[in-house]
């Protein structure tokens, strides 16, 4: 088996583990892939995801920064860096990274959704609503899932105007 095939299999194993929310197994498989090729951006991106959802945004941030350094201008690691920074309390920097992700790939729904979440958590309800609506415009299947949060936002905005 050649290196690229071995990496492909390890990343498939990591994705299956991520889908089961077995992040430790996923991180182990990604780690083995990165031992084979430390500059594999797909492995770095997946490792960042696994660290973030394991409650380790600082480690995820490192993966995102490395991925961006190796292959700049990609939306996925930019949005990952944005949510990592925001999760660590660096909200303005996180928002900027999420905006860069949107600029890099305007039809990619995740950065709009993630930016909306960051705005919502920081209390900027108008921007949260606008970005949730942009996410829904890109992927109408999100509407049922986001209906409750949009209702909450509308109610909070109305209460402010009182």
N, C-alpha and C. Protein backbone atom coordinates (compact mmCIF):
# COMPACT_ATOMS: atom_id res chain seq x y z
N UNK A 1 0.86 -1.17 0.00
CA UNK A 1 0.00 0.00 0.00
C UNK A 1 0.90 1.24 0.00
N UNK A 2 0.61 2.19 -0.91
CA UNK A 2 1.43 3.39 -0.94
C UNK A 2 0.95 4.41 0.10
N UNK A 3 1.76 5.44 0.31
CA UNK A 3 1.48 6.45 1.35
C UNK A 3 0.13 7.11 1.17
N UNK A 4 -0.19 7.51 -0.05
CA UNK A 4 -1.45 8.24 -0.27
C UNK A 4 -2.65 7.33 0.01
N UNK A 5 -2.54 6.06 -0.34
CA UNK A 5 -3.64 5.12 -0.07
C UNK A 5 -3.78 4.91 1.44
N UNK A 6 -2.66 4.80 2.12
CA UNK A 6 -2.70 4.62 3.58
C UNK A 6 -3.33 5.84 4.26
N UNK A 7 -2.95 7.03 3.80
CA UNK A 7 -3.54 8.25 4.36
C UNK A 7 -5.04 8.29 4.08
N UNK A 8 -5.45 7.94 2.86
CA UNK A 8 -6.87 7.92 2.51
C UNK A 8 -7.66 7.00 3.44
N UNK A 9 -7.12 5.83 3.70
CA UNK A 9 -7.79 4.89 4.59
C UNK A 9 -7.86 5.40 6.02
N UNK A 10 -6.78 6.01 6.49
CA UNK A 10 -6.78 6.56 7.85
C UNK A 10 -7.78 7.70 7.99
N UNK A 11 -7.87 8.55 6.97
CA UNK A 11 -8.83 9.65 7.03
C UNK A 11 -10.26 9.14 6.93
N UNK A 12 -10.49 8.08 6.16
CA UNK A 12 -11.83 7.48 6.12
C UNK A 12 -12.19 6.93 7.50
N UNK A 13 -11.22 6.30 8.15
CA UNK A 13 -11.44 5.79 9.51
C UNK A 13 -11.76 6.95 10.47
N UNK A 14 -11.02 8.06 10.34
CA UNK A 14 -11.23 9.23 11.20
C UNK A 14 -12.62 9.84 10.96
N UNK A 15 -13.06 9.90 9.70
CA UNK A 15 -14.39 10.44 9.40
C UNK A 15 -15.50 9.56 9.98
N UNK A 16 -15.32 8.25 9.84
CA UNK A 16 -16.32 7.34 10.41
C UNK A 16 -16.39 7.55 11.93
N UNK A 17 -15.23 7.68 12.56
CA UNK A 17 -15.19 7.91 14.01
C UNK A 17 -15.86 9.24 14.36
N UNK A 18 -15.61 10.27 13.56
CA UNK A 18 -16.23 11.58 13.81
C UNK A 18 -17.74 11.48 13.70
N UNK A 19 -18.22 10.74 12.71
CA UNK A 19 -19.67 10.56 12.55
C UNK A 19 -20.29 9.84 13.74
N UNK A 20 -19.51 8.99 14.39
CA UNK A 20 -19.98 8.30 15.60
C UNK A 20 -19.74 9.15 16.85
N UNK A 21 -19.12 10.31 16.64
CA UNK A 21 -18.73 11.22 17.73
C UNK A 21 -17.70 10.56 18.66
N UNK A 22 -16.90 9.68 18.08
CA UNK A 22 -15.80 9.03 18.78
C UNK A 22 -14.52 9.78 18.42
N UNK A 23 -14.39 10.95 19.00
CA UNK A 23 -13.34 11.87 18.60
C UNK A 23 -11.93 11.37 18.94
N UNK A 24 -11.78 10.61 20.01
CA UNK A 24 -10.46 10.08 20.36
C UNK A 24 -9.95 9.13 19.28
N UNK A 25 -10.82 8.26 18.79
CA UNK A 25 -10.43 7.34 17.72
C UNK A 25 -10.10 8.14 16.46
N UNK A 26 -10.91 9.14 16.16
CA UNK A 26 -10.65 9.99 15.00
C UNK A 26 -9.33 10.71 15.09
N UNK A 27 -9.03 11.27 16.26
CA UNK A 27 -7.75 11.98 16.44
C UNK A 27 -6.57 11.02 16.27
N UNK A 28 -6.72 9.79 16.77
CA UNK A 28 -5.64 8.82 16.66
C UNK A 28 -5.38 8.50 15.18
N UNK A 29 -6.44 8.28 14.41
CA UNK A 29 -6.28 7.97 12.98
C UNK A 29 -5.68 9.16 12.24
N UNK A 30 -6.15 10.37 12.54
CA UNK A 30 -5.58 11.56 11.91
C UNK A 30 -4.11 11.72 12.29
N UNK A 31 -3.81 11.47 13.54
CA UNK A 31 -2.42 11.56 14.00
C UNK A 31 -1.51 10.63 13.22
N UNK A 32 -1.99 9.40 12.95
CA UNK A 32 -1.19 8.46 12.16
C UNK A 32 -1.02 8.97 10.73
N UNK A 33 -2.07 9.57 10.17
CA UNK A 33 -1.96 10.14 8.82
C UNK A 33 -0.94 11.28 8.81
N UNK A 34 -0.96 12.11 9.84
CA UNK A 34 -0.02 13.23 9.90
C UNK A 34 1.42 12.78 10.18
N UNK A 35 1.59 11.61 10.77
CA UNK A 35 2.94 11.05 10.91
C UNK A 35 3.50 10.68 9.54
N UNK A 36 2.62 10.22 8.66
CA UNK A 36 3.03 9.86 7.31
C UNK A 36 3.32 11.12 6.50
N UNK A 37 2.42 12.10 6.61
CA UNK A 37 2.58 13.36 5.86
C UNK A 37 2.14 14.52 6.75
N UNK A 38 3.10 15.15 7.43
CA UNK A 38 2.76 16.26 8.34
C UNK A 38 2.13 17.47 7.66
N UNK A 39 2.24 17.55 6.33
CA UNK A 39 1.69 18.68 5.59
C UNK A 39 0.40 18.35 4.85
N UNK A 40 -0.26 17.30 5.22
CA UNK A 40 -1.51 16.91 4.56
C UNK A 40 -2.64 17.79 5.08
N UNK A 41 -3.10 18.74 4.26
CA UNK A 41 -4.10 19.70 4.73
C UNK A 41 -5.44 19.05 5.06
N UNK A 42 -5.80 17.99 4.35
CA UNK A 42 -7.05 17.29 4.67
C UNK A 42 -6.99 16.68 6.07
N UNK A 43 -5.85 16.11 6.41
CA UNK A 43 -5.68 15.54 7.75
C UNK A 43 -5.66 16.64 8.81
N UNK A 44 -5.01 17.75 8.50
CA UNK A 44 -4.99 18.88 9.43
C UNK A 44 -6.40 19.44 9.65
N UNK A 45 -7.16 19.58 8.56
CA UNK A 45 -8.52 20.10 8.67
C UNK A 45 -9.38 19.18 9.53
N UNK A 46 -9.29 17.89 9.27
CA UNK A 46 -10.08 16.93 10.04
C UNK A 46 -9.63 16.88 11.50
N UNK A 47 -8.32 16.95 11.72
CA UNK A 47 -7.82 16.96 13.10
C UNK A 47 -8.32 18.20 13.84
N UNK A 48 -8.35 19.34 13.16
CA UNK A 48 -8.89 20.56 13.77
C UNK A 48 -10.34 20.37 14.17
N UNK A 49 -11.14 19.80 13.28
CA UNK A 49 -12.54 19.51 13.57
C UNK A 49 -12.66 18.63 14.81
N UNK A 50 -11.87 17.57 14.84
CA UNK A 50 -11.93 16.62 15.95
C UNK A 50 -11.52 17.26 17.28
N UNK A 51 -10.48 18.09 17.24
CA UNK A 51 -10.08 18.79 18.46
C UNK A 51 -11.16 19.78 18.91
N UNK A 52 -11.72 20.53 17.96
CA UNK A 52 -12.74 21.52 18.32
C UNK A 52 -13.93 20.84 19.01
N UNK A 53 -14.42 19.76 18.41
CA UNK A 53 -15.59 19.09 18.98
C UNK A 53 -15.25 18.20 20.17
N UNK A 54 -13.97 18.12 20.50
CA UNK A 54 -13.54 17.47 21.74
C UNK A 54 -13.37 18.51 22.85
N UNK A 55 -13.71 19.77 22.55
CA UNK A 55 -13.58 20.83 23.54
C UNK A 55 -12.17 21.36 23.67
N UNK A 56 -11.39 21.25 22.59
CA UNK A 56 -10.00 21.71 22.59
C UNK A 56 -9.78 22.75 21.48
N UNK A 57 -10.43 23.92 21.59
CA UNK A 57 -10.30 24.91 20.52
C UNK A 57 -8.87 25.42 20.34
N UNK A 58 -8.07 25.39 21.40
CA UNK A 58 -6.68 25.83 21.25
C UNK A 58 -5.89 24.89 20.35
N UNK A 59 -6.09 23.58 20.51
CA UNK A 59 -5.42 22.61 19.64
C UNK A 59 -5.98 22.67 18.23
N UNK A 60 -7.28 22.87 18.12
CA UNK A 60 -7.91 23.00 16.80
C UNK A 60 -7.36 24.24 16.08
N UNK A 61 -7.17 25.31 16.84
CA UNK A 61 -6.62 26.54 16.25
C UNK A 61 -5.25 26.27 15.62
N UNK A 62 -4.42 25.51 16.29
CA UNK A 62 -3.09 25.19 15.76
C UNK A 62 -3.20 24.45 14.42
N UNK A 63 -4.13 23.51 14.35
CA UNK A 63 -4.34 22.77 13.09
C UNK A 63 -4.80 23.72 11.98
N UNK A 64 -5.74 24.60 12.31
CA UNK A 64 -6.25 25.55 11.32
C UNK A 64 -5.14 26.46 10.82
N UNK A 65 -4.36 26.99 11.73
CA UNK A 65 -3.26 27.89 11.34
C UNK A 65 -2.25 27.18 10.45
N UNK A 66 -1.94 25.94 10.77
CA UNK A 66 -0.99 25.18 9.96
C UNK A 66 -1.57 24.92 8.57
N UNK A 67 -2.84 24.55 8.50
CA UNK A 67 -3.49 24.30 7.23
C UNK A 67 -3.51 25.56 6.36
N UNK A 68 -3.83 26.69 6.98
CA UNK A 68 -3.85 27.97 6.26
C UNK A 68 -2.45 28.32 5.75
N UNK A 69 -1.43 28.09 6.57
CA UNK A 69 -0.06 28.39 6.17
C UNK A 69 0.36 27.54 4.96
N UNK A 70 -0.08 26.30 4.95
CA UNK A 70 0.29 25.40 3.86
C UNK A 70 -0.47 25.69 2.58
N UNK A 71 -1.74 26.06 2.73
CA UNK A 71 -2.58 26.28 1.55
C UNK A 71 -3.54 27.43 1.85
N UNK A 72 -3.07 28.67 1.70
CA UNK A 72 -3.87 29.85 2.06
C UNK A 72 -5.13 30.02 1.20
N UNK A 73 -6.07 30.75 1.76
CA UNK A 73 -7.24 31.15 1.00
C UNK A 73 -8.36 30.13 0.95
N UNK A 74 -8.25 29.05 1.69
CA UNK A 74 -9.31 28.04 1.71
C UNK A 74 -10.31 28.38 2.80
N UNK A 75 -11.58 28.27 2.48
CA UNK A 75 -12.64 28.66 3.41
C UNK A 75 -12.69 27.78 4.65
N UNK A 76 -12.51 26.47 4.49
CA UNK A 76 -12.70 25.57 5.63
C UNK A 76 -11.77 25.89 6.80
N UNK A 77 -10.46 25.97 6.61
CA UNK A 77 -9.63 26.29 7.78
C UNK A 77 -9.81 27.72 8.27
N UNK A 78 -10.18 28.64 7.39
CA UNK A 78 -10.46 30.00 7.83
C UNK A 78 -11.67 30.03 8.76
N UNK A 79 -12.73 29.32 8.38
CA UNK A 79 -13.91 29.28 9.25
C UNK A 79 -13.59 28.54 10.54
N UNK A 80 -12.79 27.50 10.45
CA UNK A 80 -12.37 26.77 11.65
C UNK A 80 -11.60 27.66 12.60
N UNK A 81 -10.69 28.44 12.04
CA UNK A 81 -9.92 29.36 12.87
C UNK A 81 -10.86 30.39 13.51
N UNK A 82 -11.83 30.85 12.76
CA UNK A 82 -12.78 31.82 13.29
C UNK A 82 -13.55 31.31 14.49
N UNK A 83 -14.06 30.09 14.39
CA UNK A 83 -14.83 29.57 15.53
C UNK A 83 -13.92 29.23 16.70
N UNK A 84 -12.69 28.82 16.41
CA UNK A 84 -11.74 28.54 17.49
C UNK A 84 -11.40 29.81 18.25
N UNK A 85 -11.12 30.88 17.52
CA UNK A 85 -10.79 32.15 18.18
C UNK A 85 -11.97 32.65 19.01
N UNK A 86 -13.16 32.59 18.43
CA UNK A 86 -14.35 33.05 19.17
C UNK A 86 -14.57 32.21 20.42
N UNK A 87 -14.38 30.90 20.31
CA UNK A 87 -14.58 30.01 21.46
C UNK A 87 -13.59 30.31 22.59
N UNK A 88 -12.46 30.88 22.23
CA UNK A 88 -11.44 31.22 23.22
C UNK A 88 -11.55 32.67 23.70
N UNK A 89 -12.64 33.34 23.31
CA UNK A 89 -12.88 34.70 23.77
C UNK A 89 -12.36 35.80 22.86
N UNK A 90 -11.81 35.44 21.72
CA UNK A 90 -11.29 36.43 20.77
C UNK A 90 -12.33 36.66 19.67
N UNK A 91 -13.47 37.20 20.09
CA UNK A 91 -14.62 37.31 19.20
C UNK A 91 -14.35 38.20 17.98
N UNK A 92 -13.80 39.41 18.12
CA UNK A 92 -13.57 40.23 16.92
C UNK A 92 -12.65 39.54 15.90
N UNK A 93 -11.60 38.89 16.40
CA UNK A 93 -10.70 38.19 15.49
C UNK A 93 -11.40 37.00 14.84
N UNK A 94 -12.23 36.32 15.61
CA UNK A 94 -13.00 35.20 15.07
C UNK A 94 -13.95 35.65 13.98
N UNK A 95 -14.64 36.75 14.23
CA UNK A 95 -15.56 37.30 13.23
C UNK A 95 -14.81 37.64 11.95
N UNK A 96 -13.64 38.23 12.09
CA UNK A 96 -12.84 38.59 10.91
C UNK A 96 -12.46 37.34 10.10
N UNK A 97 -12.06 36.28 10.78
CA UNK A 97 -11.69 35.04 10.07
C UNK A 97 -12.91 34.43 9.37
N UNK A 98 -14.06 34.47 10.03
CA UNK A 98 -15.28 33.96 9.40
C UNK A 98 -15.66 34.78 8.17
N UNK A 99 -15.47 36.08 8.25
CA UNK A 99 -15.74 36.93 7.08
C UNK A 99 -14.77 36.61 5.94
N UNK A 100 -13.51 36.30 6.30
CA UNK A 100 -12.55 35.90 5.26
C UNK A 100 -12.95 34.57 4.62
N UNK A 101 -13.49 33.66 5.43
CA UNK A 101 -13.96 32.38 4.89
C UNK A 101 -15.11 32.60 3.91
N UNK A 102 -16.02 33.51 4.25
CA UNK A 102 -17.14 33.82 3.36
C UNK A 102 -16.62 34.44 2.06
N UNK A 103 -15.66 35.34 2.18
CA UNK A 103 -15.08 35.96 0.98
C UNK A 103 -14.37 34.93 0.11
N UNK A 104 -13.74 33.95 0.74
CA UNK A 104 -13.01 32.93 -0.01
C UNK A 104 -13.95 32.01 -0.77
N UNK A 105 -15.12 31.75 -0.20
CA UNK A 105 -16.07 30.83 -0.83
C UNK A 105 -17.49 31.27 -0.49
N UNK A 106 -18.01 32.26 -1.23
CA UNK A 106 -19.31 32.87 -0.89
C UNK A 106 -20.51 31.93 -0.91
N UNK A 107 -20.43 30.80 -1.57
CA UNK A 107 -21.57 29.88 -1.62
C UNK A 107 -21.46 28.72 -0.63
N UNK A 108 -20.49 28.80 0.26
CA UNK A 108 -20.29 27.76 1.28
C UNK A 108 -21.08 28.17 2.51
N UNK A 109 -22.06 27.37 2.88
CA UNK A 109 -23.02 27.74 3.92
C UNK A 109 -22.41 27.79 5.33
N UNK A 110 -21.47 26.91 5.64
CA UNK A 110 -20.96 26.80 7.01
C UNK A 110 -20.46 28.11 7.61
N UNK A 111 -19.66 28.90 6.88
CA UNK A 111 -19.19 30.15 7.52
C UNK A 111 -20.32 31.12 7.88
N UNK A 112 -21.38 31.16 7.08
CA UNK A 112 -22.52 32.03 7.42
C UNK A 112 -23.17 31.55 8.72
N UNK A 113 -23.38 30.25 8.80
CA UNK A 113 -23.99 29.67 10.00
C UNK A 113 -23.10 29.91 11.21
N UNK A 114 -21.81 29.63 11.06
CA UNK A 114 -20.89 29.79 12.19
C UNK A 114 -20.78 31.25 12.62
N UNK A 115 -20.77 32.15 11.65
CA UNK A 115 -20.73 33.58 11.97
C UNK A 115 -22.00 33.99 12.70
N UNK A 116 -23.14 33.47 12.27
CA UNK A 116 -24.40 33.76 12.95
C UNK A 116 -24.35 33.29 14.40
N UNK A 117 -23.80 32.12 14.63
CA UNK A 117 -23.70 31.58 16.00
C UNK A 117 -22.80 32.48 16.84
N UNK A 118 -21.68 32.91 16.29
CA UNK A 118 -20.77 33.79 17.04
C UNK A 118 -21.47 35.10 17.37
N UNK A 119 -22.16 35.68 16.40
CA UNK A 119 -22.91 36.91 16.67
C UNK A 119 -23.97 36.68 17.74
N UNK A 120 -24.70 35.59 17.63
CA UNK A 120 -25.75 35.29 18.60
C UNK A 120 -25.18 35.18 20.01
N UNK A 121 -24.12 34.41 20.14
CA UNK A 121 -23.52 34.22 21.47
C UNK A 121 -22.94 35.50 22.04
N UNK A 122 -22.55 36.43 21.16
CA UNK A 122 -21.99 37.69 21.63
C UNK A 122 -23.07 38.76 21.84
N UNK A 123 -24.34 38.41 21.54
CA UNK A 123 -25.44 39.34 21.78
C UNK A 123 -25.79 40.25 20.61
N UNK A 124 -25.12 40.08 19.47
CA UNK A 124 -25.42 40.88 18.28
C UNK A 124 -26.52 40.18 17.49
N UNK A 125 -27.75 40.38 17.94
CA UNK A 125 -28.88 39.62 17.40
C UNK A 125 -29.21 39.98 15.96
N UNK A 126 -29.07 41.24 15.59
CA UNK A 126 -29.40 41.64 14.22
C UNK A 126 -28.46 40.97 13.22
N UNK A 127 -27.16 40.98 13.52
CA UNK A 127 -26.22 40.30 12.62
C UNK A 127 -26.42 38.79 12.66
N UNK A 128 -26.76 38.25 13.81
CA UNK A 128 -27.03 36.82 13.90
C UNK A 128 -28.20 36.46 12.97
N UNK A 129 -29.28 37.21 13.09
CA UNK A 129 -30.45 36.95 12.23
C UNK A 129 -30.07 37.04 10.75
N UNK A 130 -29.36 38.08 10.38
CA UNK A 130 -28.99 38.27 8.97
C UNK A 130 -28.16 37.11 8.44
N UNK A 131 -27.23 36.61 9.24
CA UNK A 131 -26.37 35.53 8.77
C UNK A 131 -27.07 34.17 8.81
N UNK A 132 -27.97 33.97 9.76
CA UNK A 132 -28.78 32.75 9.72
C UNK A 132 -29.64 32.77 8.46
N UNK A 133 -30.19 33.92 8.13
CA UNK A 133 -31.02 34.03 6.92
C UNK A 133 -30.19 33.78 5.66
N UNK A 134 -28.94 34.26 5.64
CA UNK A 134 -28.07 33.98 4.49
C UNK A 134 -27.77 32.50 4.39
N UNK A 135 -27.56 31.85 5.53
CA UNK A 135 -27.30 30.41 5.53
C UNK A 135 -28.52 29.67 4.96
N UNK A 136 -29.71 30.07 5.38
CA UNK A 136 -30.94 29.44 4.89
C UNK A 136 -31.12 29.69 3.39
N UNK A 137 -30.77 30.88 2.94
CA UNK A 137 -30.88 31.18 1.50
C UNK A 137 -29.97 30.25 0.69
N UNK A 138 -28.80 29.93 1.24
CA UNK A 138 -27.88 29.03 0.55
C UNK A 138 -28.31 27.57 0.67
N UNK A 139 -28.92 27.22 1.80
CA UNK A 139 -29.36 25.85 2.03
C UNK A 139 -30.73 25.87 2.71
N UNK A 140 -31.81 25.88 1.92
CA UNK A 140 -33.16 25.93 2.48
C UNK A 140 -33.47 24.78 3.45
N UNK A 141 -32.75 23.69 3.38
CA UNK A 141 -32.97 22.57 4.30
C UNK A 141 -32.65 22.95 5.75
N UNK A 142 -31.93 24.05 5.95
CA UNK A 142 -31.60 24.50 7.31
C UNK A 142 -32.78 25.17 8.00
N UNK A 143 -33.76 25.61 7.22
CA UNK A 143 -34.85 26.40 7.78
C UNK A 143 -35.55 25.72 8.96
N UNK A 144 -35.95 24.46 8.86
CA UNK A 144 -36.62 23.85 10.03
C UNK A 144 -35.70 23.77 11.25
N UNK A 145 -34.43 23.49 11.03
CA UNK A 145 -33.49 23.37 12.14
C UNK A 145 -33.23 24.72 12.82
N UNK A 146 -33.29 25.80 12.03
CA UNK A 146 -32.99 27.12 12.57
C UNK A 146 -34.24 27.92 12.96
N UNK A 147 -35.41 27.37 12.73
CA UNK A 147 -36.66 28.10 13.00
C UNK A 147 -36.75 28.54 14.46
N UNK A 148 -36.42 27.65 15.39
CA UNK A 148 -36.53 27.98 16.82
C UNK A 148 -35.58 29.11 17.20
N UNK A 149 -34.34 29.04 16.77
CA UNK A 149 -33.38 30.08 17.13
C UNK A 149 -33.77 31.41 16.48
N UNK A 150 -34.28 31.37 15.26
CA UNK A 150 -34.73 32.62 14.63
C UNK A 150 -35.92 33.21 15.37
N UNK A 151 -36.82 32.38 15.85
CA UNK A 151 -37.95 32.86 16.66
C UNK A 151 -37.45 33.50 17.95
N UNK A 152 -36.48 32.87 18.59
CA UNK A 152 -35.89 33.44 19.81
C UNK A 152 -35.25 34.79 19.53
N UNK A 153 -34.53 34.86 18.43
CA UNK A 153 -33.88 36.13 18.06
C UNK A 153 -34.92 37.21 17.85
N UNK A 154 -35.97 36.89 17.09
CA UNK A 154 -37.04 37.87 16.82
C UNK A 154 -37.68 38.34 18.14
N UNK A 155 -37.94 37.41 19.04
CA UNK A 155 -38.55 37.77 20.32
C UNK A 155 -37.61 38.67 21.15
N UNK A 156 -36.33 38.36 21.15
CA UNK A 156 -35.38 39.18 21.91
C UNK A 156 -35.23 40.56 21.30
N UNK A 157 -35.23 40.64 19.97
CA UNK A 157 -35.15 41.94 19.30
C UNK A 157 -36.39 42.76 19.62
N UNK A 158 -37.56 42.12 19.56
CA UNK A 158 -38.82 42.82 19.88
C UNK A 158 -38.82 43.28 21.34
N UNK A 159 -38.33 42.47 22.23
CA UNK A 159 -38.29 42.85 23.67
C UNK A 159 -37.37 44.04 23.89
N UNK A 160 -36.30 44.12 23.15
CA UNK A 160 -35.38 45.26 23.26
C UNK A 160 -36.05 46.55 22.83
N UNK A 161 -36.87 46.43 21.78
CA UNK A 161 -37.53 47.61 21.25
C UNK A 161 -38.72 48.00 22.14
N UNK A 162 -39.18 46.99 22.91
CA UNK A 162 -40.19 47.06 23.91
C UNK A 162 -41.30 47.93 23.82
